[in-house]
């Protein structure tokens, strides 16, 4: 599933761009929002789906720290 963010709350585009994740999709170079910035955006959106996403995202961050 692909989510396209049209609003970043109080997170600036420059912050997101500077912390982007660069990868490839097939032969195409692509960029994704960093997990910490995605968490901030999801927290600000505060919709039911975002709250569910946050549960997963926070577990991922915690496992990386362990």
PDB file of N, CA and C in Angstrom:
ATOM      1  N   UNK A   1       0.839  -1.165   0.000  1.00  0.00           N
ATOM      2  CA  UNK A   1       0.000   0.000   0.000  1.00  0.00           C
ATOM      3  C   UNK A   1       0.893   1.239   0.000  1.00  0.00           C
ATOM      4  N   UNK A   2       0.512   2.232  -0.735  1.00  0.00           N
ATOM      5  CA  UNK A   2       1.250   3.486  -0.794  1.00  0.00           C
ATOM      6  C   UNK A   2       0.383   4.585  -0.206  1.00  0.00           C
ATOM      7  N   UNK A   3       0.967   5.355   0.691  1.00  0.00           N
ATOM      8  CA  UNK A   3       0.289   6.523   1.254  1.00  0.00           C
ATOM      9  C   UNK A   3       1.000   7.760   0.734  1.00  0.00           C
ATOM     10  N   UNK A   4       0.244   8.706   0.235  1.00  0.00           N
ATOM     11  CA  UNK A   4       0.822   9.963  -0.224  1.00  0.00           C
ATOM     12  C   UNK A   4       0.424  11.033   0.781  1.00  0.00           C
ATOM     13  N   UNK A   5       1.426  11.634   1.394  1.00  0.00           N
ATOM     14  CA  UNK A   5       1.174  12.675   2.386  1.00  0.00           C
ATOM     15  C   UNK A   5       1.073  14.023   1.685  1.00  0.00           C
ATOM     16  N   UNK A   6      -0.030  14.710   1.910  1.00  0.00           N
ATOM     17  CA  UNK A   6      -0.196  16.027   1.308  1.00  0.00           C
ATOM     18  C   UNK A   6       0.004  17.133   2.336  1.00  0.00           C
ATOM     19  N   UNK A   7       0.001  16.776   3.615  1.00  0.00           N
ATOM     20  CA  UNK A   7       0.229  17.742   4.690  1.00  0.00           C
ATOM     21  C   UNK A   7       1.224  17.138   5.666  1.00  0.00           C
ATOM     22  N   UNK A   8       2.084  17.977   6.193  1.00  0.00           N
ATOM     23  CA  UNK A   8       3.119  17.506   7.104  1.00  0.00           C
ATOM     24  C   UNK A   8       2.953  18.075   8.504  1.00  0.00           C
ATOM     25  N   UNK A   9       1.811  18.697   8.796  1.00  0.00           N
ATOM     26  CA  UNK A   9       1.609  19.290  10.117  1.00  0.00           C
ATOM     27  C   UNK A   9       2.658  20.357  10.348  1.00  0.00           C
ATOM     28  N   UNK A  10       3.305  20.328  11.509  1.00  0.00           N
ATOM     29  CA  UNK A  10       4.348  21.323  11.787  1.00  0.00           C
ATOM     30  C   UNK A  10       5.740  20.820  11.394  1.00  0.00           C
ATOM     31  N   UNK A  11       5.803  19.680  10.715  1.00  0.00           N
ATOM     32  CA  UNK A  11       7.066  19.148  10.223  1.00  0.00           C
ATOM     33  C   UNK A  11       7.352  19.811   8.878  1.00  0.00           C
ATOM     34  N   UNK A  12       8.517  20.414   8.723  1.00  0.00           N
ATOM     35  CA  UNK A  12       8.825  21.143   7.497  1.00  0.00           C
ATOM     36  C   UNK A  12       9.259  20.196   6.381  1.00  0.00           C
ATOM     37  N   UNK A  13       9.056  20.642   5.158  1.00  0.00           N
ATOM     38  CA  UNK A  13       9.505  19.865   4.011  1.00  0.00           C
ATOM     39  C   UNK A  13      11.004  19.639   4.092  1.00  0.00           C
ATOM     40  N   UNK A  14      11.758  20.674   4.482  1.00  0.00           N
ATOM     41  CA  UNK A  14      13.220  20.539   4.570  1.00  0.00           C
ATOM     42  C   UNK A  14      13.623  19.470   5.570  1.00  0.00           C
ATOM     43  N   UNK A  15      12.943  19.393   6.695  1.00  0.00           N
ATOM     44  CA  UNK A  15      13.239  18.351   7.692  1.00  0.00           C
ATOM     45  C   UNK A  15      12.999  16.970   7.095  1.00  0.00           C
ATOM     46  N   UNK A  16      11.870  16.813   6.421  1.00  0.00           N
ATOM     47  CA  UNK A  16      11.539  15.527   5.803  1.00  0.00           C
ATOM     48  C   UNK A  16      12.551  15.192   4.713  1.00  0.00           C
ATOM     49  N   UNK A  17      12.871  16.156   3.860  1.00  0.00           N
ATOM     50  CA  UNK A  17      13.801  15.907   2.751  1.00  0.00           C
ATOM     51  C   UNK A  17      15.192  15.554   3.265  1.00  0.00           C
ATOM     52  N   UNK A  18      15.649  16.256   4.299  1.00  0.00           N
ATOM     53  CA  UNK A  18      16.988  15.996   4.836  1.00  0.00           C
ATOM     54  C   UNK A  18      17.099  14.628   5.496  1.00  0.00           C
ATOM     55  N   UNK A  19      15.982  14.055   5.929  1.00  0.00           N
ATOM     56  CA  UNK A  19      15.979  12.760   6.618  1.00  0.00           C
ATOM     57  C   UNK A  19      15.320  11.657   5.800  1.00  0.00           C
ATOM     58  N   UNK A  20      15.205  11.879   4.500  1.00  0.00           N
ATOM     59  CA  UNK A  20      14.549  10.895   3.624  1.00  0.00           C
ATOM     60  C   UNK A  20      15.357   9.610   3.540  1.00  0.00           C
ATOM     61  N   UNK A  21      14.668   8.567   3.139  1.00  0.00           N
ATOM     62  CA  UNK A  21      15.309   7.274   2.897  1.00  0.00           C
ATOM     63  C   UNK A  21      15.348   7.074   1.390  1.00  0.00           C
ATOM     64  N   UNK A  22      16.550   6.860   0.864  1.00  0.00           N
ATOM     65  CA  UNK A  22      16.732   6.673  -0.574  1.00  0.00           C
ATOM     66  C   UNK A  22      16.807   5.178  -0.860  1.00  0.00           C
ATOM     67  N   UNK A  23      16.043   4.733  -1.846  1.00  0.00           N
ATOM     68  CA  UNK A  23      16.041   3.324  -2.219  1.00  0.00           C
ATOM     69  C   UNK A  23      15.707   3.200  -3.704  1.00  0.00           C
ATOM     70  N   UNK A  24      15.519   1.997  -4.154  1.00  0.00           N
ATOM     71  CA  UNK A  24      15.151   1.758  -5.549  1.00  0.00           C
ATOM     72  C   UNK A  24      13.851   0.954  -5.593  1.00  0.00           C
ATOM     73  N   UNK A  25      13.045   1.271  -6.576  1.00  0.00           N
ATOM     74  CA  UNK A  25      11.852   0.499  -6.881  1.00  0.00           C
ATOM     75  C   UNK A  25      12.037   0.070  -8.329  1.00  0.00           C
ATOM     76  N   UNK A  26      12.457  -1.191  -8.505  1.00  0.00           N
ATOM     77  CA  UNK A  26      12.853  -1.630  -9.843  1.00  0.00           C
ATOM     78  C   UNK A  26      14.093  -0.862 -10.252  1.00  0.00           C
ATOM     79  N   UNK A  27      14.029  -0.211 -11.391  1.00  0.00           N
ATOM     80  CA  UNK A  27      15.175   0.576 -11.852  1.00  0.00           C
ATOM     81  C   UNK A  27      15.051   2.048 -11.462  1.00  0.00           C
ATOM     82  N   UNK A  28      13.959   2.407 -10.786  1.00  0.00           N
ATOM     83  CA  UNK A  28      13.701   3.805 -10.441  1.00  0.00           C
ATOM     84  C   UNK A  28      14.209   4.143  -9.044  1.00  0.00           C
ATOM     85  N   UNK A  29      14.998   5.203  -8.928  1.00  0.00           N
ATOM     86  CA  UNK A  29      15.424   5.698  -7.628  1.00  0.00           C
ATOM     87  C   UNK A  29      14.225   6.381  -6.963  1.00  0.00           C
ATOM     88  N   UNK A  30      13.966   6.040  -5.704  1.00  0.00           N
ATOM     89  CA  UNK A  30      12.818   6.603  -4.993  1.00  0.00           C
ATOM     90  C   UNK A  30      13.237   7.092  -3.616  1.00  0.00           C
ATOM     91  N   UNK A  31      12.394   7.922  -3.025  1.00  0.00           N
ATOM     92  CA  UNK A  31      12.641   8.468  -1.697  1.00  0.00           C
ATOM     93  C   UNK A  31      11.404   8.268  -0.832  1.00  0.00           C
ATOM     94  N   UNK A  32      11.644   7.969   0.436  1.00  0.00           N
ATOM     95  CA  UNK A  32      10.557   7.778   1.393  1.00  0.00           C
ATOM     96  C   UNK A  32      10.818   8.631   2.616  1.00  0.00           C
ATOM     97  N   UNK A  33       9.769   9.031   3.261  1.00  0.00           N
ATOM     98  CA  UNK A  33       9.881   9.801   4.489  1.00  0.00           C
ATOM     99  C   UNK A  33      10.550   8.932   5.565  1.00  0.00           C
ATOM    100  N   UNK A  34      11.406   9.550   6.381  1.00  0.00           N
ATOM    101  CA  UNK A  34      12.057   8.835   7.473  1.00  0.00           C
ATOM    102  C   UNK A  34      11.046   8.441   8.541  1.00  0.00           C
ATOM    103  N   UNK A  35      11.335   7.390   9.271  1.00  0.00           N
ATOM    104  CA  UNK A  35      10.374   6.867  10.243  1.00  0.00           C
ATOM    105  C   UNK A  35      10.061   7.879  11.350  1.00  0.00           C
ATOM    106  N   UNK A  36      11.041   8.636  11.818  1.00  0.00           N
ATOM    107  CA  UNK A  36      10.772   9.610  12.881  1.00  0.00           C
ATOM    108  C   UNK A  36       9.857  10.726  12.399  1.00  0.00           C
ATOM    109  N   UNK A  37      10.058  11.168  11.164  1.00  0.00           N
ATOM    110  CA  UNK A  37       9.191  12.201  10.599  1.00  0.00           C
ATOM    111  C   UNK A  37       7.792  11.647  10.337  1.00  0.00           C
ATOM    112  N   UNK A  38       7.711  10.400   9.887  1.00  0.00           N
ATOM    113  CA  UNK A  38       6.408   9.774   9.666  1.00  0.00           C
ATOM    114  C   UNK A  38       5.640   9.658  10.980  1.00  0.00           C
ATOM    115  N   UNK A  39       6.326   9.316  12.037  1.00  0.00           N
ATOM    116  CA  UNK A  39       5.678   9.238  13.353  1.00  0.00           C
ATOM    117  C   UNK A  39       5.123  10.604  13.748  1.00  0.00           C
ATOM    118  N   UNK A  40       5.901  11.660  13.560  1.00  0.00           N
ATOM    119  CA  UNK A  40       5.423  13.001  13.903  1.00  0.00           C
ATOM    120  C   UNK A  40       4.180  13.379  13.106  1.00  0.00           C
ATOM    121  N   UNK A  41       4.198  13.081  11.801  1.00  0.00           N
ATOM    122  CA  UNK A  41       3.058  13.404  10.941  1.00  0.00           C
ATOM    123  C   UNK A  41       1.829  12.610  11.368  1.00  0.00           C
ATOM    124  N   UNK A  42       2.008  11.325  11.659  1.00  0.00           N
ATOM    125  CA  UNK A  42       0.887  10.474  12.082  1.00  0.00           C
ATOM    126  C   UNK A  42       0.313  10.947  13.416  1.00  0.00           C
ATOM    127  N   UNK A  43       1.186  11.366  14.340  1.00  0.00           N
ATOM    128  CA  UNK A  43       0.717  11.860  15.630  1.00  0.00           C
ATOM    129  C   UNK A  43      -0.134  13.113  15.456  1.00  0.00           C
ATOM    130  N   UNK A  44       0.269  13.986  14.567  1.00  0.00           N
ATOM    131  CA  UNK A  44      -0.477  15.219  14.335  1.00  0.00           C
ATOM    132  C   UNK A  44      -1.796  14.968  13.612  1.00  0.00           C
ATOM    133  N   UNK A  45      -1.824  14.021  12.705  1.00  0.00           N
ATOM    134  CA  UNK A  45      -3.051  13.724  11.959  1.00  0.00           C
ATOM    135  C   UNK A  45      -4.124  13.183  12.898  1.00  0.00           C
ATOM    136  N   UNK A  46      -3.727  12.293  13.804  1.00  0.00           N
ATOM    137  CA  UNK A  46      -4.587  11.807  14.885  1.00  0.00           C
ATOM    138  C   UNK A  46      -5.885  11.148  14.421  1.00  0.00           C
ATOM    139  N   UNK A  47      -5.899  10.576  13.227  1.00  0.00           N
ATOM    140  CA  UNK A  47      -7.081   9.823  12.780  1.00  0.00           C
ATOM    141  C   UNK A  47      -6.972   8.399  13.304  1.00  0.00           C
ATOM    142  N   UNK A  48      -8.051   7.675  13.275  1.00  0.00           N
ATOM    143  CA  UNK A  48      -8.058   6.295  13.778  1.00  0.00           C
ATOM    144  C   UNK A  48      -6.998   5.450  13.059  1.00  0.00           C
ATOM    145  N   UNK A  49      -6.913   5.564  11.743  1.00  0.00           N
ATOM    146  CA  UNK A  49      -5.937   4.776  10.985  1.00  0.00           C
ATOM    147  C   UNK A  49      -4.511   5.170  11.359  1.00  0.00           C
ATOM    148  N   UNK A  50      -4.292   6.458  11.626  1.00  0.00           N
ATOM    149  CA  UNK A  50      -2.963   6.921  12.020  1.00  0.00           C
ATOM    150  C   UNK A  50      -2.581   6.371  13.386  1.00  0.00           C
ATOM    151  N   UNK A  51      -3.547   6.279  14.275  1.00  0.00           N
ATOM    152  CA  UNK A  51      -3.285   5.710  15.606  1.00  0.00           C
ATOM    153  C   UNK A  51      -2.881   4.241  15.492  1.00  0.00           C
ATOM    154  N   UNK A  52      -3.521   3.512  14.590  1.00  0.00           N
ATOM    155  CA  UNK A  52      -3.153   2.112  14.357  1.00  0.00           C
ATOM    156  C   UNK A  52      -1.753   2.023  13.752  1.00  0.00           C
ATOM    157  N   UNK A  53      -1.475   2.881  12.782  1.00  0.00           N
ATOM    158  CA  UNK A  53      -0.143   2.906  12.170  1.00  0.00           C
ATOM    159  C   UNK A  53       0.931   3.202  13.215  1.00  0.00           C
ATOM    160  N   UNK A  54       0.634   4.119  14.130  1.00  0.00           N
ATOM    161  CA  UNK A  54       1.602   4.505  15.162  1.00  0.00           C
ATOM    162  C   UNK A  54       1.988   3.328  16.048  1.00  0.00           C
ATOM    163  N   UNK A  55       1.039   2.475  16.355  1.00  0.00           N
ATOM    164  CA  UNK A  55       1.353   1.303  17.180  1.00  0.00           C
ATOM    165  C   UNK A  55       2.462   0.483  16.534  1.00  0.00           C
ATOM    166  N   UNK A  56       2.342   0.262  15.241  1.00  0.00           N
ATOM    167  CA  UNK A  56       3.340  -0.509  14.501  1.00  0.00           C
ATOM    168  C   UNK A  56       4.668   0.253  14.397  1.00  0.00           C
ATOM    169  N   UNK A  57       4.584   1.517  14.003  1.00  0.00           N
ATOM    170  CA  UNK A  57       5.799   2.321  13.817  1.00  0.00           C
ATOM    171  C   UNK A  57       6.608   2.436  15.103  1.00  0.00           C
ATOM    172  N   UNK A  58       5.927   2.636  16.225  1.00  0.00           N
ATOM    173  CA  UNK A  58       6.625   2.761  17.505  1.00  0.00           C
ATOM    174  C   UNK A  58       7.277   1.436  17.912  1.00  0.00           C
ATOM    175  N   UNK A  59       6.637   0.317  17.577  1.00  0.00           N
ATOM    176  CA  UNK A  59       7.262  -0.992  17.851  1.00  0.00           C
ATOM    177  C   UNK A  59       8.517  -1.177  17.006  1.00  0.00           C
ATOM    178  N   UNK A  60       8.480  -0.738  15.762  1.00  0.00           N
ATOM    179  CA  UNK A  60       9.646  -0.837  14.888  1.00  0.00           C
ATOM    180  C   UNK A  60      10.803  -0.030  15.466  1.00  0.00           C
ATOM    181  N   UNK A  61      10.541   1.191  15.888  1.00  0.00           N
ATOM    182  CA  UNK A  61      11.585   2.044  16.471  1.00  0.00           C
ATOM    183  C   UNK A  61      12.136   1.399  17.737  1.00  0.00           C
ATOM    184  N   UNK A  62      11.256   0.862  18.567  1.00  0.00           N
ATOM    185  CA  UNK A  62      11.707   0.239  19.816  1.00  0.00           C
ATOM    186  C   UNK A  62      12.608  -0.962  19.528  1.00  0.00           C
ATOM    187  N   UNK A  63      12.245  -1.786  18.549  1.00  0.00           N
ATOM    188  CA  UNK A  63      13.064  -2.952  18.205  1.00  0.00           C
ATOM    189  C   UNK A  63      14.421  -2.546  17.668  1.00  0.00           C
ATOM    190  N   UNK A  64      14.475  -1.421  16.923  1.00  0.00           N
ATOM    191  CA  UNK A  64      15.757  -0.940  16.428  1.00  0.00           C
ATOM    192  C   UNK A  64      16.653  -0.493  17.557  1.00  0.00           C
ATOM    193  N   UNK A  65      16.053   0.018  18.639  1.00  0.00           N
ATOM    194  CA  UNK A  65      16.837   0.512  19.779  1.00  0.00           C
ATOM    195  C   UNK A  65      17.300  -0.611  20.692  1.00  0.00           C
ATOM    196  N   UNK A  66      16.607  -1.730  20.672  1.00  0.00           N
ATOM    197  CA  UNK A  66      16.963  -2.873  21.537  1.00  0.00           C
ATOM    198  C   UNK A  66      18.214  -3.579  21.081  1.00  0.00           C
TER     199      UNK A  66
END
